[in-house]
PDB file of all heavy atoms in Angstrom:
ATOM      1  N   VAL A   1      -5.565   2.509  -2.186  1.00  0.00           N
ATOM      2  CA  VAL A   1      -5.167   1.796  -3.363  1.00  0.00           C
ATOM      3  C   VAL A   1      -3.803   1.136  -3.159  1.00  0.00           C
ATOM      4  O   VAL A   1      -3.571  -0.015  -3.486  1.00  0.00           O
ATOM      5  CB  VAL A   1      -5.208   2.684  -4.609  1.00  0.00           C
ATOM      6  CG1 VAL A   1      -4.613   2.005  -5.775  1.00  0.00           C
ATOM      7  CG2 VAL A   1      -6.604   3.168  -4.922  1.00  0.00           C
ATOM      8  N   ILE A   2      -2.858   1.951  -2.682  1.00  0.00           N
ATOM      9  CA  ILE A   2      -1.492   1.390  -2.539  1.00  0.00           C
ATOM     10  C   ILE A   2      -1.407   0.326  -1.468  1.00  0.00           C
ATOM     11  O   ILE A   2      -0.735  -0.718  -1.734  1.00  0.00           O
ATOM     12  CB  ILE A   2      -0.572   2.604  -2.119  1.00  0.00           C
ATOM     13  CG1 ILE A   2      -0.414   3.586  -3.323  1.00  0.00           C
ATOM     14  CG2 ILE A   2       0.788   2.114  -1.700  1.00  0.00           C
ATOM     15  CD1 ILE A   2       0.154   4.964  -2.900  1.00  0.00           C
ATOM     16  N   ALA A   3      -2.082   0.376  -0.425  1.00  0.00           N
ATOM     17  CA  ALA A   3      -2.182  -0.698   0.609  1.00  0.00           C
ATOM     18  C   ALA A   3      -2.822  -1.987  -0.050  1.00  0.00           C
ATOM     19  O   ALA A   3      -2.277  -3.072   0.154  1.00  0.00           O
ATOM     20  CB  ALA A   3      -2.897  -0.245   1.805  1.00  0.00           C
ATOM     21  N   ASP A   4      -3.893  -1.739  -0.739  1.00  0.00           N
ATOM     22  CA  ASP A   4      -4.614  -2.917  -1.305  1.00  0.00           C
ATOM     23  C   ASP A   4      -3.694  -3.610  -2.370  1.00  0.00           C
ATOM     24  O   ASP A   4      -3.664  -4.846  -2.421  1.00  0.00           O
ATOM     25  CB  ASP A   4      -5.866  -2.492  -2.017  1.00  0.00           C
ATOM     26  CG  ASP A   4      -6.961  -2.090  -1.000  1.00  0.00           C
ATOM     27  OD1 ASP A   4      -6.814  -2.467   0.194  1.00  0.00           O
ATOM     28  OD2 ASP A   4      -7.964  -1.441  -1.418  1.00  0.00           O
ATOM     29  N   LYS A   5      -3.044  -2.802  -3.173  1.00  0.00           N
ATOM     30  CA  LYS A   5      -2.133  -3.492  -4.157  1.00  0.00           C
ATOM     31  C   LYS A   5      -0.930  -4.162  -3.485  1.00  0.00           C
ATOM     32  O   LYS A   5      -0.468  -5.149  -4.015  1.00  0.00           O
ATOM     33  CB  LYS A   5      -1.693  -2.428  -5.202  1.00  0.00           C
ATOM     34  CG  LYS A   5      -2.812  -1.919  -6.102  1.00  0.00           C
ATOM     35  CD  LYS A   5      -2.313  -1.261  -7.350  1.00  0.00           C
ATOM     36  CE  LYS A   5      -1.651  -2.181  -8.296  1.00  0.00           C
ATOM     37  NZ  LYS A   5      -2.477  -3.195  -8.826  1.00  0.00           N
ATOM     38  N   THR A   6      -0.450  -3.639  -2.407  1.00  0.00           N
ATOM     39  CA  THR A   6       0.647  -4.316  -1.700  1.00  0.00           C
ATOM     40  C   THR A   6       0.158  -5.634  -1.179  1.00  0.00           C
ATOM     41  O   THR A   6       0.827  -6.679  -1.307  1.00  0.00           O
ATOM     42  CB  THR A   6       1.091  -3.448  -0.480  1.00  0.00           C
ATOM     43  OG1 THR A   6       1.543  -2.140  -1.043  1.00  0.00           O
ATOM     44  CG2 THR A   6       2.217  -4.120   0.271  1.00  0.00           C
ATOM     45  N   ILE A   7      -1.039  -5.654  -0.531  1.00  0.00           N
ATOM     46  CA  ILE A   7      -1.590  -6.932  -0.054  1.00  0.00           C
ATOM     47  C   ILE A   7      -1.779  -7.918  -1.176  1.00  0.00           C
ATOM     48  O   ILE A   7      -1.466  -9.121  -1.114  1.00  0.00           O
ATOM     49  CB  ILE A   7      -2.933  -6.676   0.687  1.00  0.00           C
ATOM     50  CG1 ILE A   7      -2.634  -5.934   2.014  1.00  0.00           C
ATOM     51  CG2 ILE A   7      -3.715  -7.972   0.931  1.00  0.00           C
ATOM     52  CD1 ILE A   7      -3.889  -5.488   2.718  1.00  0.00           C
ATOM     53  N   ASP A   8      -2.260  -7.420  -2.295  1.00  0.00           N
ATOM     54  CA  ASP A   8      -2.524  -8.259  -3.501  1.00  0.00           C
ATOM     55  C   ASP A   8      -1.226  -8.943  -3.967  1.00  0.00           C
ATOM     56  O   ASP A   8      -1.177 -10.145  -4.282  1.00  0.00           O
ATOM     57  CB  ASP A   8      -3.196  -7.508  -4.599  1.00  0.00           C
ATOM     58  CG  ASP A   8      -3.555  -8.347  -5.796  1.00  0.00           C
ATOM     59  OD1 ASP A   8      -4.404  -9.252  -5.656  1.00  0.00           O
ATOM     60  OD2 ASP A   8      -2.980  -8.146  -6.904  1.00  0.00           O
ATOM     61  N   TRP A   9      -0.194  -8.094  -3.955  1.00  0.00           N
ATOM     62  CA  TRP A   9       1.099  -8.695  -4.422  1.00  0.00           C
ATOM     63  C   TRP A   9       1.646  -9.770  -3.452  1.00  0.00           C
ATOM     64  O   TRP A   9       2.140 -10.808  -3.850  1.00  0.00           O
ATOM     65  CB  TRP A   9       2.170  -7.540  -4.595  1.00  0.00           C
ATOM     66  CG  TRP A   9       3.473  -8.120  -5.115  1.00  0.00           C
ATOM     67  CD1 TRP A   9       3.818  -8.419  -6.379  1.00  0.00           C
ATOM     68  CD2 TRP A   9       4.619  -8.436  -4.219  1.00  0.00           C
ATOM     69  NE1 TRP A   9       5.117  -8.976  -6.426  1.00  0.00           N
ATOM     70  CE2 TRP A   9       5.646  -8.958  -5.162  1.00  0.00           C
ATOM     71  CE3 TRP A   9       4.902  -8.401  -2.895  1.00  0.00           C
ATOM     72  CZ2 TRP A   9       6.881  -9.451  -4.652  1.00  0.00           C
ATOM     73  CZ3 TRP A   9       6.122  -8.803  -2.456  1.00  0.00           C
ATOM     74  CH2 TRP A   9       7.084  -9.344  -3.283  1.00  0.00           C
ATOM     75  N   ILE A  10       1.543  -9.479  -2.166  1.00  0.00           N
ATOM     76  CA  ILE A  10       2.055 -10.455  -1.161  1.00  0.00           C
ATOM     77  C   ILE A  10       1.237 -11.712  -1.272  1.00  0.00           C
ATOM     78  O   ILE A  10       1.756 -12.814  -1.198  1.00  0.00           O
ATOM     79  CB  ILE A  10       1.980  -9.827   0.251  1.00  0.00           C
ATOM     80  CG1 ILE A  10       2.915  -8.638   0.410  1.00  0.00           C
ATOM     81  CG2 ILE A  10       2.319 -10.868   1.290  1.00  0.00           C
ATOM     82  CD1 ILE A  10       2.782  -7.939   1.765  1.00  0.00           C
ATOM     83  N   GLU A  11      -0.067 -11.565  -1.455  1.00  0.00           N
ATOM     84  CA  GLU A  11      -0.960 -12.709  -1.483  1.00  0.00           C
ATOM     85  C   GLU A  11      -0.698 -13.610  -2.725  1.00  0.00           C
ATOM     86  O   GLU A  11      -0.821 -14.879  -2.655  1.00  0.00           O
ATOM     87  CB  GLU A  11      -2.438 -12.233  -1.581  1.00  0.00           C
ATOM     88  CG  GLU A  11      -3.444 -13.345  -1.743  1.00  0.00           C
ATOM     89  CD  GLU A  11      -3.653 -14.146  -0.428  1.00  0.00           C
ATOM     90  OE1 GLU A  11      -3.114 -13.688   0.641  1.00  0.00           O
ATOM     91  OE2 GLU A  11      -4.268 -15.157  -0.470  1.00  0.00           O
ATOM     92  N   ASN A  12      -0.219 -13.005  -3.836  1.00  0.00           N
ATOM     93  CA  ASN A  12       0.063 -13.722  -5.093  1.00  0.00           C
ATOM     94  C   ASN A  12       1.504 -13.968  -5.366  1.00  0.00           C
ATOM     95  O   ASN A  12       1.931 -14.250  -6.531  1.00  0.00           O
ATOM     96  CB  ASN A  12      -0.642 -12.986  -6.244  1.00  0.00           C
ATOM     97  CG  ASN A  12      -2.218 -13.029  -6.102  1.00  0.00           C
ATOM     98  OD1 ASN A  12      -2.767 -14.064  -6.309  1.00  0.00           O
ATOM     99  ND2 ASN A  12      -2.738 -11.994  -5.708  1.00  0.00           N
ATOM    100  N   ARG A  13       2.340 -13.762  -4.396  1.00  0.00           N
ATOM    101  CA  ARG A  13       3.831 -13.901  -4.579  1.00  0.00           C
ATOM    102  C   ARG A  13       4.170 -15.379  -4.737  1.00  0.00           C
ATOM    103  O   ARG A  13       3.357 -16.283  -4.572  1.00  0.00           O
ATOM    104  CB  ARG A  13       4.544 -13.334  -3.356  1.00  0.00           C
ATOM    105  CG  ARG A  13       4.441 -14.272  -2.151  1.00  0.00           C
ATOM    106  CD  ARG A  13       4.786 -13.565  -0.858  1.00  0.00           C
ATOM    107  NE  ARG A  13       4.894 -14.561   0.233  1.00  0.00           N
ATOM    108  CZ  ARG A  13       3.876 -15.020   0.865  1.00  0.00           C
ATOM    109  NH1 ARG A  13       2.642 -14.710   0.531  1.00  0.00           N
ATOM    110  NH2 ARG A  13       4.004 -15.891   1.849  1.00  0.00           N
ATOM    111  N   ASP A  14       5.407 -15.638  -5.046  1.00  0.00           N
ATOM    112  CA  ASP A  14       6.012 -16.935  -5.035  1.00  0.00           C
ATOM    113  C   ASP A  14       6.280 -17.317  -3.619  1.00  0.00           C
ATOM    114  O   ASP A  14       7.184 -16.810  -2.993  1.00  0.00           O
ATOM    115  CB  ASP A  14       7.319 -16.967  -5.856  1.00  0.00           C
ATOM    116  CG  ASP A  14       8.019 -18.308  -5.906  1.00  0.00           C
ATOM    117  OD1 ASP A  14       7.529 -19.260  -5.161  1.00  0.00           O
ATOM    118  OD2 ASP A  14       8.987 -18.432  -6.614  1.00  0.00           O
ATOM    119  N   THR A  15       5.465 -18.201  -3.065  1.00  0.00           N
ATOM    120  CA  THR A  15       5.558 -18.476  -1.629  1.00  0.00           C
ATOM    121  C   THR A  15       6.768 -19.341  -1.224  1.00  0.00           C
ATOM    122  O   THR A  15       7.006 -19.554  -0.125  1.00  0.00           O
ATOM    123  CB  THR A  15       4.280 -19.188  -1.132  1.00  0.00           C
ATOM    124  OG1 THR A  15       4.060 -20.392  -1.872  1.00  0.00           O
ATOM    125  CG2 THR A  15       3.051 -18.254  -1.262  1.00  0.00           C
ATOM    126  N   SER A  16       7.494 -19.755  -2.248  1.00  0.00           N
ATOM    127  CA  SER A  16       8.739 -20.541  -1.917  1.00  0.00           C
ATOM    128  C   SER A  16       9.890 -19.630  -1.533  1.00  0.00           C
ATOM    129  O   SER A  16      10.946 -20.094  -1.093  1.00  0.00           O
ATOM    130  CB  SER A  16       9.130 -21.410  -3.123  1.00  0.00           C
ATOM    131  OG  SER A  16       9.573 -20.586  -4.225  1.00  0.00           O
ATOM    132  N   LYS A  17       9.718 -18.304  -1.670  1.00  0.00           N
ATOM    133  CA  LYS A  17      10.745 -17.333  -1.416  1.00  0.00           C
ATOM    134  C   LYS A  17      10.247 -16.387  -0.294  1.00  0.00           C
ATOM    135  O   LYS A  17       9.105 -16.081  -0.245  1.00  0.00           O
ATOM    136  CB  LYS A  17      11.143 -16.538  -2.608  1.00  0.00           C
ATOM    137  CG  LYS A  17      11.692 -17.313  -3.763  1.00  0.00           C
ATOM    138  CD  LYS A  17      12.002 -16.372  -4.988  1.00  0.00           C
ATOM    139  CE  LYS A  17      12.558 -17.184  -6.159  1.00  0.00           C
ATOM    140  NZ  LYS A  17      12.815 -16.261  -7.244  1.00  0.00           N
ATOM    141  N   PRO A  18      11.251 -15.827   0.513  1.00  0.00           N
ATOM    142  CA  PRO A  18      10.831 -14.759   1.320  1.00  0.00           C
ATOM    143  C   PRO A  18      10.684 -13.514   0.430  1.00  0.00           C
ATOM    144  O   PRO A  18      11.130 -13.426  -0.682  1.00  0.00           O
ATOM    145  CB  PRO A  18      12.050 -14.560   2.221  1.00  0.00           C
ATOM    146  CG  PRO A  18      13.222 -15.198   1.501  1.00  0.00           C
ATOM    147  CD  PRO A  18      12.647 -16.232   0.672  1.00  0.00           C
ATOM    148  N   PHE A  19      10.005 -12.515   1.065  1.00  0.00           N
ATOM    149  CA  PHE A  19       9.780 -11.281   0.136  1.00  0.00           C
ATOM    150  C   PHE A  19      10.181  -9.983   0.938  1.00  0.00           C
ATOM    151  O   PHE A  19      10.322  -9.975   2.150  1.00  0.00           O
ATOM    152  CB  PHE A  19       8.288 -11.191  -0.168  1.00  0.00           C
ATOM    153  CG  PHE A  19       7.352 -10.967   0.982  1.00  0.00           C
ATOM    154  CD1 PHE A  19       7.160  -9.639   1.494  1.00  0.00           C
ATOM    155  CD2 PHE A  19       6.591 -11.946   1.621  1.00  0.00           C
ATOM    156  CE1 PHE A  19       6.289  -9.379   2.548  1.00  0.00           C
ATOM    157  CE2 PHE A  19       5.753 -11.736   2.648  1.00  0.00           C
ATOM    158  CZ  PHE A  19       5.581 -10.451   3.165  1.00  0.00           C
ATOM    159  N   MET A  20      10.476  -8.988   0.114  1.00  0.00           N
ATOM    160  CA  MET A  20      10.571  -7.656   0.587  1.00  0.00           C
ATOM    161  C   MET A  20       9.599  -6.776  -0.226  1.00  0.00           C
ATOM    162  O   MET A  20       9.778  -6.650  -1.436  1.00  0.00           O
ATOM    163  CB  MET A  20      12.017  -7.042   0.409  1.00  0.00           C
ATOM    164  CG  MET A  20      12.040  -5.617   0.990  1.00  0.00           C
ATOM    165  SD  MET A  20      13.599  -4.691   0.618  1.00  0.00           S
ATOM    166  CE  MET A  20      13.346  -4.334  -1.138  1.00  0.00           C
ATOM    167  N   ALA A  21       8.634  -6.275   0.478  1.00  0.00           N
ATOM    168  CA  ALA A  21       7.590  -5.448  -0.188  1.00  0.00           C
ATOM    169  C   ALA A  21       7.757  -4.008   0.349  1.00  0.00           C
ATOM    170  O   ALA A  21       7.699  -3.788   1.546  1.00  0.00           O
ATOM    171  CB  ALA A  21       6.196  -5.951   0.192  1.00  0.00           C
ATOM    172  N   MET A  22       7.946  -3.103  -0.605  1.00  0.00           N
ATOM    173  CA  MET A  22       8.087  -1.616  -0.279  1.00  0.00           C
ATOM    174  C   MET A  22       6.774  -1.018  -0.577  1.00  0.00           C
ATOM    175  O   MET A  22       6.400  -0.897  -1.739  1.00  0.00           O
ATOM    176  CB  MET A  22       9.305  -0.994  -0.947  1.00  0.00           C
ATOM    177  CG  MET A  22      10.561  -1.694  -0.762  1.00  0.00           C
ATOM    178  SD  MET A  22      12.003  -0.844  -1.377  1.00  0.00           S
ATOM    179  CE  MET A  22      12.483   0.118   0.101  1.00  0.00           C
ATOM    180  N   CYS A  23       6.070  -0.558   0.445  1.00  0.00           N
ATOM    181  CA  CYS A  23       4.767   0.079   0.328  1.00  0.00           C
ATOM    182  C   CYS A  23       4.899   1.586   0.638  1.00  0.00           C
ATOM    183  O   CYS A  23       5.047   1.950   1.766  1.00  0.00           O
ATOM    184  CB  CYS A  23       3.835  -0.591   1.308  1.00  0.00           C
ATOM    185  SG  CYS A  23       2.109   0.183   1.386  1.00  0.00           S
ATOM    186  N   HIS A  24       4.866   2.372  -0.415  1.00  0.00           N
ATOM    187  CA  HIS A  24       5.203   3.839  -0.307  1.00  0.00           C
ATOM    188  C   HIS A  24       3.972   4.631  -0.558  1.00  0.00           C
ATOM    189  O   HIS A  24       3.510   4.796  -1.680  1.00  0.00           O
ATOM    190  CB  HIS A  24       6.277   4.183  -1.347  1.00  0.00           C
ATOM    191  CG  HIS A  24       7.623   3.597  -1.078  1.00  0.00           C
ATOM    192  ND1 HIS A  24       8.752   3.829  -1.861  1.00  0.00           N
ATOM    193  CD2 HIS A  24       8.040   2.794  -0.122  1.00  0.00           C
ATOM    194  CE1 HIS A  24       9.761   3.212  -1.400  1.00  0.00           C
ATOM    195  NE2 HIS A  24       9.407   2.589  -0.274  1.00  0.00           N
ATOM    196  N   PHE A  25       3.437   5.240   0.555  1.00  0.00           N
ATOM    197  CA  PHE A  25       2.301   6.119   0.457  1.00  0.00           C
ATOM    198  C   PHE A  25       2.665   7.504  -0.089  1.00  0.00           C
ATOM    199  O   PHE A  25       3.736   8.008   0.258  1.00  0.00           O
ATOM    200  CB  PHE A  25       1.590   6.217   1.759  1.00  0.00           C
ATOM    201  CG  PHE A  25       1.066   4.961   2.327  1.00  0.00           C
ATOM    202  CD1 PHE A  25       1.374   4.531   3.614  1.00  0.00           C
ATOM    203  CD2 PHE A  25       0.168   4.149   1.556  1.00  0.00           C
ATOM    204  CE1 PHE A  25       0.807   3.321   4.091  1.00  0.00           C
ATOM    205  CE2 PHE A  25      -0.301   2.962   2.038  1.00  0.00           C
ATOM    206  CZ  PHE A  25       0.049   2.576   3.286  1.00  0.00           C
ATOM    207  N   LYS A  26       1.813   8.116  -0.840  1.00  0.00           N
ATOM    208  CA  LYS A  26       1.949   9.487  -1.176  1.00  0.00           C
ATOM    209  C   LYS A  26       1.710  10.390   0.002  1.00  0.00           C
ATOM    210  O   LYS A  26       2.377  11.429   0.216  1.00  0.00           O
ATOM    211  CB  LYS A  26       0.927   9.889  -2.330  1.00  0.00           C
ATOM    212  CG  LYS A  26       0.812  11.362  -2.567  1.00  0.00           C
ATOM    213  CD  LYS A  26      -0.260  11.653  -3.648  1.00  0.00           C
ATOM    214  CE  LYS A  26      -0.465  13.161  -3.681  1.00  0.00           C
ATOM    215  NZ  LYS A  26       0.728  13.927  -4.139  1.00  0.00           N
ATOM    216  N   ALA A  27       0.685  10.039   0.792  1.00  0.00           N
ATOM    217  CA  ALA A  27       0.344  10.794   2.041  1.00  0.00           C
ATOM    218  C   ALA A  27       1.576  10.807   2.931  1.00  0.00           C
ATOM    219  O   ALA A  27       2.333   9.901   2.955  1.00  0.00           O
ATOM    220  CB  ALA A  27      -0.816  10.175   2.699  1.00  0.00           C
ATOM    221  N   THR A  28       1.749  11.900   3.681  1.00  0.00           N
ATOM    222  CA  THR A  28       0.968  13.109   3.862  1.00  0.00           C
ATOM    223  C   THR A  28       1.447  14.299   3.086  1.00  0.00           C
ATOM    224  O   THR A  28       1.433  15.478   3.676  1.00  0.00           O
ATOM    225  CB  THR A  28       0.952  13.424   5.419  1.00  0.00           C
ATOM    226  OG1 THR A  28       2.347  13.509   5.815  1.00  0.00           O
ATOM    227  CG2 THR A  28       0.218  12.457   6.250  1.00  0.00           C
ATOM    228  N   HIS A  29       1.929  14.140   1.928  1.00  0.00           N
ATOM    229  CA  HIS A  29       2.503  15.214   1.135  1.00  0.00           C
ATOM    230  C   HIS A  29       1.381  16.184   0.854  1.00  0.00           C
ATOM    231  O   HIS A  29       0.193  15.900   0.705  1.00  0.00           O
ATOM    232  CB  HIS A  29       3.109  14.658  -0.121  1.00  0.00           C
ATOM    233  CG  HIS A  29       3.961  15.548  -0.863  1.00  0.00           C
ATOM    234  ND1 HIS A  29       3.449  16.623  -1.617  1.00  0.00           N
ATOM    235  CD2 HIS A  29       5.312  15.756  -0.943  1.00  0.00           C
ATOM    236  CE1 HIS A  29       4.411  17.299  -2.163  1.00  0.00           C
ATOM    237  NE2 HIS A  29       5.635  16.777  -1.793  1.00  0.00           N
ATOM    238  N   GLU A  30       1.839  17.501   0.716  1.00  0.00           N
ATOM    239  CA  GLU A  30       0.928  18.550   0.267  1.00  0.00           C
ATOM    240  C   GLU A  30       0.246  18.105  -1.021  1.00  0.00           C
ATOM    241  O   GLU A  30       0.917  17.524  -1.873  1.00  0.00           O
ATOM    242  CB  GLU A  30       1.819  19.801   0.001  1.00  0.00           C
ATOM    243  CG  GLU A  30       1.038  21.081  -0.139  1.00  0.00           C
ATOM    244  CD  GLU A  30       1.938  22.300  -0.289  1.00  0.00           C
ATOM    245  OE1 GLU A  30       3.213  22.055  -0.345  1.00  0.00           O
ATOM    246  OE2 GLU A  30       1.466  23.353  -0.322  1.00  0.00           O
ATOM    247  N   PRO A  31      -1.082  18.209  -1.132  1.00  0.00           N
ATOM    248  CA  PRO A  31      -2.033  19.155  -0.443  1.00  0.00           C
ATOM    249  C   PRO A  31      -2.733  18.546   0.709  1.00  0.00           C
ATOM    250  O   PRO A  31      -3.864  19.013   1.067  1.00  0.00           O
ATOM    251  CB  PRO A  31      -2.976  19.539  -1.595  1.00  0.00           C
ATOM    252  CG  PRO A  31      -3.090  18.266  -2.413  1.00  0.00           C
ATOM    253  CD  PRO A  31      -1.701  17.737  -2.427  1.00  0.00           C
ATOM    254  N   PHE A  32      -2.233  17.449   1.334  1.00  0.00           N
ATOM    255  CA  PHE A  32      -2.779  16.929   2.641  1.00  0.00           C
ATOM    256  C   PHE A  32      -4.241  16.550   2.493  1.00  0.00           C
ATOM    257  O   PHE A  32      -5.021  16.803   3.452  1.00  0.00           O
ATOM    258  CB  PHE A  32      -2.621  17.982   3.750  1.00  0.00           C
ATOM    259  CG  PHE A  32      -1.349  18.814   3.638  1.00  0.00           C
ATOM    260  CD1 PHE A  32      -1.399  20.167   3.574  1.00  0.00           C
ATOM    261  CD2 PHE A  32      -0.110  18.226   3.720  1.00  0.00           C
ATOM    262  CE1 PHE A  32      -0.234  20.976   3.424  1.00  0.00           C
ATOM    263  CE2 PHE A  32       1.095  19.001   3.656  1.00  0.00           C
ATOM    264  CZ  PHE A  32       0.971  20.347   3.509  1.00  0.00           C
ATOM    265  N   ASP A  33      -4.590  15.842   1.452  1.00  0.00           N
ATOM    266  CA  ASP A  33      -5.994  15.450   1.254  1.00  0.00           C
ATOM    267  C   ASP A  33      -6.340  14.176   2.023  1.00  0.00           C
ATOM    268  O   ASP A  33      -5.374  13.521   2.552  1.00  0.00           O
ATOM    269  CB  ASP A  33      -6.243  15.217  -0.242  1.00  0.00           C
ATOM    270  CG  ASP A  33      -7.734  15.504  -0.615  1.00  0.00           C
ATOM    271  OD1 ASP A  33      -8.581  15.593   0.286  1.00  0.00           O
ATOM    272  OD2 ASP A  33      -8.032  15.647  -1.809  1.00  0.00           O
ATOM    273  N   TYR A  34      -7.578  13.815   2.136  1.00  0.00           N
ATOM    274  CA  TYR A  34      -7.991  12.736   3.024  1.00  0.00           C
ATOM    275  C   TYR A  34      -9.306  12.204   2.479  1.00  0.00           C
ATOM    276  O   TYR A  34     -10.109  12.878   1.828  1.00  0.00           O
ATOM    277  CB  TYR A  34      -8.202  13.185   4.470  1.00  0.00           C
ATOM    278  CG  TYR A  34      -8.932  14.455   4.616  1.00  0.00           C
ATOM    279  CD1 TYR A  34     -10.349  14.426   4.693  1.00  0.00           C
ATOM    280  CD2 TYR A  34      -8.255  15.714   4.600  1.00  0.00           C
ATOM    281  CE1 TYR A  34     -11.071  15.596   4.785  1.00  0.00           C
ATOM    282  CE2 TYR A  34      -9.049  16.859   4.760  1.00  0.00           C
ATOM    283  CZ  TYR A  34     -10.366  16.822   4.754  1.00  0.00           C
ATOM    284  OH  TYR A  34     -11.155  18.037   4.879  1.00  0.00           O
ATOM    285  N   PRO A  35      -9.664  10.909   2.862  1.00  0.00           N
ATOM    286  CA  PRO A  35     -10.933  10.328   2.410  1.00  0.00           C
ATOM    287  C   PRO A  35     -12.060  10.737   3.342  1.00  0.00           C
ATOM    288  O   PRO A  35     -11.807  11.241   4.480  1.00  0.00           O
ATOM    289  CB  PRO A  35     -10.727   8.833   2.610  1.00  0.00           C
ATOM    290  CG  PRO A  35      -9.659   8.757   3.664  1.00  0.00           C
ATOM    291  CD  PRO A  35      -8.772   9.965   3.504  1.00  0.00           C
ATOM    292  N   GLU A  36     -13.257  10.677   2.799  1.00  0.00           N
ATOM    293  CA  GLU A  36     -14.428  11.190   3.566  1.00  0.00           C
ATOM    294  C   GLU A  36     -14.589  10.584   4.957  1.00  0.00           C
ATOM    295  O   GLU A  36     -15.105  11.203   5.853  1.00  0.00           O
ATOM    296  CB  GLU A  36     -15.698  10.838   2.681  1.00  0.00           C
ATOM    297  CG  GLU A  36     -17.031  11.249   3.341  1.00  0.00           C
ATOM    298  CD  GLU A  36     -17.159  12.734   3.571  1.00  0.00           C
ATOM    299  OE1 GLU A  36     -16.495  13.515   2.789  1.00  0.00           O
ATOM    300  OE2 GLU A  36     -17.817  13.122   4.520  1.00  0.00           O
ATOM    301  N   ARG A  37     -14.147   9.338   5.114  1.00  0.00           N
ATOM    302  CA  ARG A  37     -14.342   8.694   6.409  1.00  0.00           C
ATOM    303  C   ARG A  37     -13.637   9.300   7.559  1.00  0.00           C
ATOM    304  O   ARG A  37     -13.849   9.045   8.735  1.00  0.00           O
ATOM    305  CB  ARG A  37     -13.978   7.183   6.319  1.00  0.00           C
ATOM    306  CG  ARG A  37     -12.518   6.871   6.029  1.00  0.00           C
ATOM    307  CD  ARG A  37     -12.369   5.344   5.852  1.00  0.00           C
ATOM    308  NE  ARG A  37     -10.974   4.991   5.678  1.00  0.00           N
ATOM    309  CZ  ARG A  37     -10.342   4.942   4.474  1.00  0.00           C
ATOM    310  NH1 ARG A  37     -10.953   5.299   3.438  1.00  0.00           N
ATOM    311  NH2 ARG A  37      -9.101   4.536   4.388  1.00  0.00           N
ATOM    312  N   PHE A  38     -12.660  10.218   7.233  1.00  0.00           N
ATOM    313  CA  PHE A  38     -11.947  10.995   8.290  1.00  0.00           C
ATOM    314  C   PHE A  38     -12.263  12.457   8.287  1.00  0.00           C
ATOM    315  O   PHE A  38     -11.570  13.249   8.978  1.00  0.00           O
ATOM    316  CB  PHE A  38     -10.399  10.746   8.197  1.00  0.00           C
ATOM    317  CG  PHE A  38     -10.031   9.299   8.507  1.00  0.00           C
ATOM    318  CD1 PHE A  38      -9.579   8.463   7.497  1.00  0.00           C
ATOM    319  CD2 PHE A  38     -10.231   8.745   9.758  1.00  0.00           C
ATOM    320  CE1 PHE A  38      -9.241   7.107   7.820  1.00  0.00           C
ATOM    321  CE2 PHE A  38      -9.976   7.477  10.041  1.00  0.00           C
ATOM    322  CZ  PHE A  38      -9.409   6.672   9.096  1.00  0.00           C
ATOM    323  N   SER A  39     -13.172  12.874   7.464  1.00  0.00           N
ATOM    324  CA  SER A  39     -13.465  14.285   7.415  1.00  0.00           C
ATOM    325  C   SER A  39     -14.103  14.859   8.631  1.00  0.00           C
ATOM    326  O   SER A  39     -14.115  16.047   8.869  1.00  0.00           O
ATOM    327  CB  SER A  39     -14.324  14.555   6.186  1.00  0.00           C
ATOM    328  OG  SER A  39     -15.586  13.922   6.337  1.00  0.00           O
TER     329      SER A  39
END
């Protein structure tokens, strides 16, 4: 979700300006959960 929203913001930014996007994942904080595709 966080990566997708970061891409969405960059895609819809004001392209006349440079950007700084801070993409901050919760992972790998305890409880160390993961999606099914890596189980």
